[in-house]
Amino acid sequence: MRSLRSVVAVLATMLALSAFAQPAPLTGDLAEIFAAAEGGDPEAQFYYAKRYYFGRGLPQDYEKAATWFLRSADQGYPDAQWYIAEMYMAIHWCITKADGACGALASVGRARF
């Protein structure tokens, strides 16, 4: 019973956090964002990562999102650092508590973290 409560608590927390973490509207087209991200702009890297994370304008790809979030986070961009922490917690839970039942997210965790 305690395990079930823990699972429900983790899922409720993740759901609540995702409500606050919806992507903000992006200005500029995808090519401009990508060019700035490739040029090393941490904010552009963050927004490019969010495109992959949420599947907005790009196919949803957690591994590519993690790559861009890490690039941005390594430059001290706090929102990217938050997403990396959120992904790490979700991946950790998927691997340890859900026996890897989270599919793509769990496989990214095994490969990246």
Foldseek 3Di string as FASTA:
>chain_A
DVLVVVVVVVVVVLVVVVVVVQDDDDPDDPVVLVVVLVVQDLVSLQNNLNCLCVVPVHRNANLSSLVSLVSSVVVPDVVSVVVNVSLQVVLVCCVPPVVVPPPRSVVSNVVPD
